[in-house]
Amino acid sequence: MAIAYERTDDLDADTFIRVLKNSGLAERRPADDRDRIARMLAGSNLVIVARDGGDVVGVARSVTDFAYCCYLSDLAVDRAYQGRGIGRRLIEETRRAAGPEAMCLLLSAPNSISFYEAIQMPSQPRAFMFPRER
């Protein structure tokens, strides 16, 4: 069965937590705080999922104005599905949904830098950040 990609407004916290854990991204997200994960989803206005049948196997969660900027804050693909182009496609679908006028920004987890380099996503040395306090 082919992987299906779709924009969704109703990804539930438990499914998102499962994908975070199965992808390895949970170590860098508050996956043990269901309420916070639910608030993260509620504050997102662009969520693209990859489905294998009825199962969500990948998620791209973003905040965007659809006119100028898009912050792709979470890109998670279940480890069992990694290496199949799902992450690349989730980024493509995010960029398509955000629109051609919006730039797309993400901050890579340290162990994922090689993935973004491999798909030739440009890096930006001019980025600055105030880290989370918790």
C-alpha atoms as a PDB file:
ATOM      1  CA  MET A   1       0.000   0.000   0.000  1.00  0.00           C
ATOM      2  CA  ALA A   2       1.260   3.486  -0.843  1.00  0.00           C
ATOM      3  CA  ILE A   3       1.800   6.115   1.815  1.00  0.00           C
ATOM      4  CA  ALA A   4      -0.913   8.805   1.728  1.00  0.00           C
ATOM      5  CA  TYR A   5      -0.209  12.418   2.705  1.00  0.00           C
ATOM      6  CA  GLU A   6      -2.894  14.755   3.982  1.00  0.00           C
ATOM      7  CA  ARG A   7      -3.387  17.968   5.859  1.00  0.00           C
ATOM      8  CA  THR A   8      -5.331  17.459   9.074  1.00  0.00           C
ATOM      9  CA  ASP A   9      -6.865  19.637  11.768  1.00  0.00           C
ATOM     10  CA  ASP A  10      -7.639  16.802  14.164  1.00  0.00           C
ATOM     11  CA  LEU A  11      -4.439  14.918  14.969  1.00  0.00           C
ATOM     12  CA  ASP A  12      -4.894  13.729  18.540  1.00  0.00           C
ATOM     13  CA  ALA A  13      -2.197  14.004  21.197  1.00  0.00           C
ATOM     14  CA  ASP A  14      -1.902  10.248  21.739  1.00  0.00           C
ATOM     15  CA  THR A  15      -1.242   9.562  18.047  1.00  0.00           C
ATOM     16  CA  PHE A  16       1.294  12.386  17.884  1.00  0.00           C
ATOM     17  CA  ILE A  17       3.056  11.092  21.011  1.00  0.00           C
ATOM     18  CA  ARG A  18       3.202   7.596  19.490  1.00  0.00           C
ATOM     19  CA  VAL A  19       4.831   8.939  16.321  1.00  0.00           C
ATOM     20  CA  LEU A  20       7.255  11.056  18.370  1.00  0.00           C
ATOM     21  CA  LYS A  21       8.282   7.984  20.389  1.00  0.00           C
ATOM     22  CA  ASN A  22       8.506   5.684  17.357  1.00  0.00           C
ATOM     23  CA  SER A  23      10.606   8.247  15.481  1.00  0.00           C
ATOM     24  CA  GLY A  24      13.093   8.967  18.251  1.00  0.00           C
ATOM     25  CA  LEU A  25      12.068  12.639  18.399  1.00  0.00           C
ATOM     26  CA  ALA A  26      10.368  12.136  21.771  1.00  0.00           C
ATOM     27  CA  GLU A  27      13.723  12.512  23.505  1.00  0.00           C
ATOM     28  CA  ARG A  28      13.683  16.167  22.375  1.00  0.00           C
ATOM     29  CA  ARG A  29       9.963  16.835  22.946  1.00  0.00           C
ATOM     30  CA  PRO A  30       7.762  16.823  26.079  1.00  0.00           C
ATOM     31  CA  ALA A  31       6.229  13.480  25.083  1.00  0.00           C
ATOM     32  CA  ASP A  32       5.477  12.572  28.703  1.00  0.00           C
ATOM     33  CA  ASP A  33       3.341  15.705  29.126  1.00  0.00           C
ATOM     34  CA  ARG A  34       0.145  14.925  27.211  1.00  0.00           C
ATOM     35  CA  ASP A  35      -1.435  18.288  28.093  1.00  0.00           C
ATOM     36  CA  ARG A  36       1.521  20.196  26.665  1.00  0.00           C
ATOM     37  CA  ILE A  37       1.519  18.057  23.507  1.00  0.00           C
ATOM     38  CA  ALA A  38      -2.221  18.771  23.119  1.00  0.00           C
ATOM     39  CA  ARG A  39      -1.526  22.516  23.476  1.00  0.00           C
ATOM     40  CA  MET A  40       1.254  22.243  20.884  1.00  0.00           C
ATOM     41  CA  LEU A  41      -1.195  20.669  18.439  1.00  0.00           C
ATOM     42  CA  ALA A  42      -3.930  23.197  19.248  1.00  0.00           C
ATOM     43  CA  GLY A  43      -1.516  26.060  18.511  1.00  0.00           C
ATOM     44  CA  SER A  44      -0.434  24.604  15.172  1.00  0.00           C
ATOM     45  CA  ASN A  45      -2.232  25.734  12.058  1.00  0.00           C
ATOM     46  CA  LEU A  46      -0.559  23.394   9.563  1.00  0.00           C
ATOM     47  CA  VAL A  47      -0.225  19.675  10.272  1.00  0.00           C
ATOM     48  CA  ILE A  48       0.565  17.199   7.514  1.00  0.00           C
ATOM     49  CA  VAL A  49       0.433  13.467   8.241  1.00  0.00           C
ATOM     50  CA  ALA A  50       1.734  10.443   6.365  1.00  0.00           C
ATOM     51  CA  ARG A  51      -0.540   7.406   6.642  1.00  0.00           C
ATOM     52  CA  ASP A  52       0.040   3.771   5.883  1.00  0.00           C
ATOM     53  CA  GLY A  53      -3.529   2.552   5.693  1.00  0.00           C
ATOM     54  CA  GLY A  54      -5.143   4.009   8.797  1.00  0.00           C
ATOM     55  CA  ASP A  55      -1.901   4.335  10.751  1.00  0.00           C
ATOM     56  CA  VAL A  56      -0.142   7.689  11.070  1.00  0.00           C
ATOM     57  CA  VAL A  57       3.556   6.989  10.421  1.00  0.00           C
ATOM     58  CA  GLY A  58       4.828  10.551   9.960  1.00  0.00           C
ATOM     59  CA  VAL A  59       3.954  14.071  11.062  1.00  0.00           C
ATOM     60  CA  ALA A  60       5.056  17.540  10.001  1.00  0.00           C
ATOM     61  CA  ARG A  61       3.718  20.127  12.488  1.00  0.00           C
ATOM     62  CA  SER A  62       4.037  23.816  11.623  1.00  0.00           C
ATOM     63  CA  VAL A  63       2.977  27.338  12.506  1.00  0.00           C
ATOM     64  CA  THR A  64       2.519  29.638   9.526  1.00  0.00           C
ATOM     65  CA  ASP A  65       0.832  32.791   8.267  1.00  0.00           C
ATOM     66  CA  PHE A  66       0.581  31.279   4.739  1.00  0.00           C
ATOM     67  CA  ALA A  67       1.996  34.505   3.313  1.00  0.00           C
ATOM     68  CA  TYR A  68       5.532  35.095   4.561  1.00  0.00           C
ATOM     69  CA  CYS A  69       6.827  32.473   6.968  1.00  0.00           C
ATOM     70  CA  CYS A  70       6.356  28.889   8.054  1.00  0.00           C
ATOM     71  CA  TYR A  71       8.104  27.367  11.071  1.00  0.00           C
ATOM     72  CA  LEU A  72       8.184  23.596  10.655  1.00  0.00           C
ATOM     73  CA  SER A  73       8.614  22.774  14.319  1.00  0.00           C
ATOM     74  CA  ASP A  74       8.295  18.975  14.256  1.00  0.00           C
ATOM     75  CA  LEU A  75       9.193  16.482  11.556  1.00  0.00           C
ATOM     76  CA  ALA A  76       8.798  12.926  12.839  1.00  0.00           C
ATOM     77  CA  VAL A  77       8.774   9.664  10.887  1.00  0.00           C
ATOM     78  CA  ASP A  78       8.368   6.274  12.549  1.00  0.00           C
ATOM     79  CA  ARG A  79      11.769   4.501  12.513  1.00  0.00           C
ATOM     80  CA  ALA A  80      10.217   1.532  10.709  1.00  0.00           C
ATOM     81  CA  TYR A  81       9.389   3.883   7.813  1.00  0.00           C
ATOM     82  CA  GLN A  82      12.530   6.012   7.709  1.00  0.00           C
ATOM     83  CA  GLY A  83      14.625   5.929   4.550  1.00  0.00           C
ATOM     84  CA  ARG A  84      11.592   5.782   2.243  1.00  0.00           C
ATOM     85  CA  GLY A  85      11.368   9.486   1.360  1.00  0.00           C
ATOM     86  CA  ILE A  86       8.536  10.185   3.805  1.00  0.00           C
ATOM     87  CA  GLY A  87      10.349  13.017   5.605  1.00  0.00           C
ATOM     88  CA  ARG A  88      11.258  14.664   2.311  1.00  0.00           C
ATOM     89  CA  ARG A  89       7.661  14.373   1.117  1.00  0.00           C
ATOM     90  CA  LEU A  90       6.286  15.787   4.386  1.00  0.00           C
ATOM     91  CA  ILE A  91       8.531  18.829   3.897  1.00  0.00           C
ATOM     92  CA  GLU A  92       7.365  19.180   0.268  1.00  0.00           C
ATOM     93  CA  GLU A  93       3.698  18.975   1.325  1.00  0.00           C
ATOM     94  CA  THR A  94       4.306  21.518   4.095  1.00  0.00           C
ATOM     95  CA  ARG A  95       5.936  23.938   1.676  1.00  0.00           C
ATOM     96  CA  ARG A  96       3.113  23.441  -0.840  1.00  0.00           C
ATOM     97  CA  ALA A  97       0.448  24.091   1.808  1.00  0.00           C
ATOM     98  CA  ALA A  98       2.255  27.138   3.233  1.00  0.00           C
ATOM     99  CA  GLY A  99       2.383  28.630  -0.255  1.00  0.00           C
ATOM    100  CA  PRO A 100       5.096  29.938  -2.566  1.00  0.00           C
ATOM    101  CA  GLU A 101       5.384  33.285  -0.777  1.00  0.00           C
ATOM    102  CA  ALA A 102       6.260  31.694   2.585  1.00  0.00           C
ATOM    103  CA  MET A 103       9.772  30.665   3.520  1.00  0.00           C
ATOM    104  CA  CYS A 104      10.075  27.450   5.490  1.00  0.00           C
ATOM    105  CA  LEU A 105      12.295  27.337   8.567  1.00  0.00           C
ATOM    106  CA  LEU A 106      13.153  24.420  10.826  1.00  0.00           C
ATOM    107  CA  LEU A 107      15.672  23.791  13.564  1.00  0.00           C
ATOM    108  CA  SER A 108      17.282  20.383  13.246  1.00  0.00           C
ATOM    109  CA  ALA A 109      17.840  17.969  16.073  1.00  0.00           C
ATOM    110  CA  PRO A 110      21.607  17.327  16.237  1.00  0.00           C
ATOM    111  CA  ASN A 111      21.354  13.748  14.980  1.00  0.00           C
ATOM    112  CA  SER A 112      19.187  14.767  12.005  1.00  0.00           C
ATOM    113  CA  ILE A 113      21.491  17.318  10.392  1.00  0.00           C
ATOM    114  CA  SER A 114      22.790  14.759   7.892  1.00  0.00           C
ATOM    115  CA  PHE A 115      19.220  14.097   6.693  1.00  0.00           C
ATOM    116  CA  TYR A 116      18.637  17.766   5.868  1.00  0.00           C
ATOM    117  CA  GLU A 117      22.029  17.975   4.195  1.00  0.00           C
ATOM    118  CA  ALA A 118      21.230  14.843   2.144  1.00  0.00           C
ATOM    119  CA  ILE A 119      17.977  16.339   0.827  1.00  0.00           C
ATOM    120  CA  GLN A 120      19.911  19.528   0.076  1.00  0.00           C
ATOM    121  CA  MET A 121      17.848  21.762   2.322  1.00  0.00           C
ATOM    122  CA  PRO A 122      19.788  25.036   2.564  1.00  0.00           C
ATOM    123  CA  SER A 123      21.161  25.915   5.996  1.00  0.00           C
ATOM    124  CA  GLN A 124      21.215  29.437   7.381  1.00  0.00           C
ATOM    125  CA  PRO A 125      24.109  30.709   9.488  1.00  0.00           C
ATOM    126  CA  ARG A 126      22.144  33.861  10.386  1.00  0.00           C
ATOM    127  CA  ALA A 127      19.649  32.143  12.690  1.00  0.00           C
ATOM    128  CA  PHE A 128      19.354  33.210  16.322  1.00  0.00           C
ATOM    129  CA  MET A 129      17.333  31.662  19.102  1.00  0.00           C
ATOM    130  CA  PHE A 130      16.283  32.117  22.703  1.00  0.00           C
ATOM    131  CA  PRO A 131      16.085  28.529  24.031  1.00  0.00           C
ATOM    132  CA  ARG A 132      13.115  27.240  26.018  1.00  0.00           C
ATOM    133  CA  GLU A 133      13.258  27.865  29.734  1.00  0.00           C
ATOM    134  CA  ARG A 134      11.752  24.412  30.313  1.00  0.00           C
END
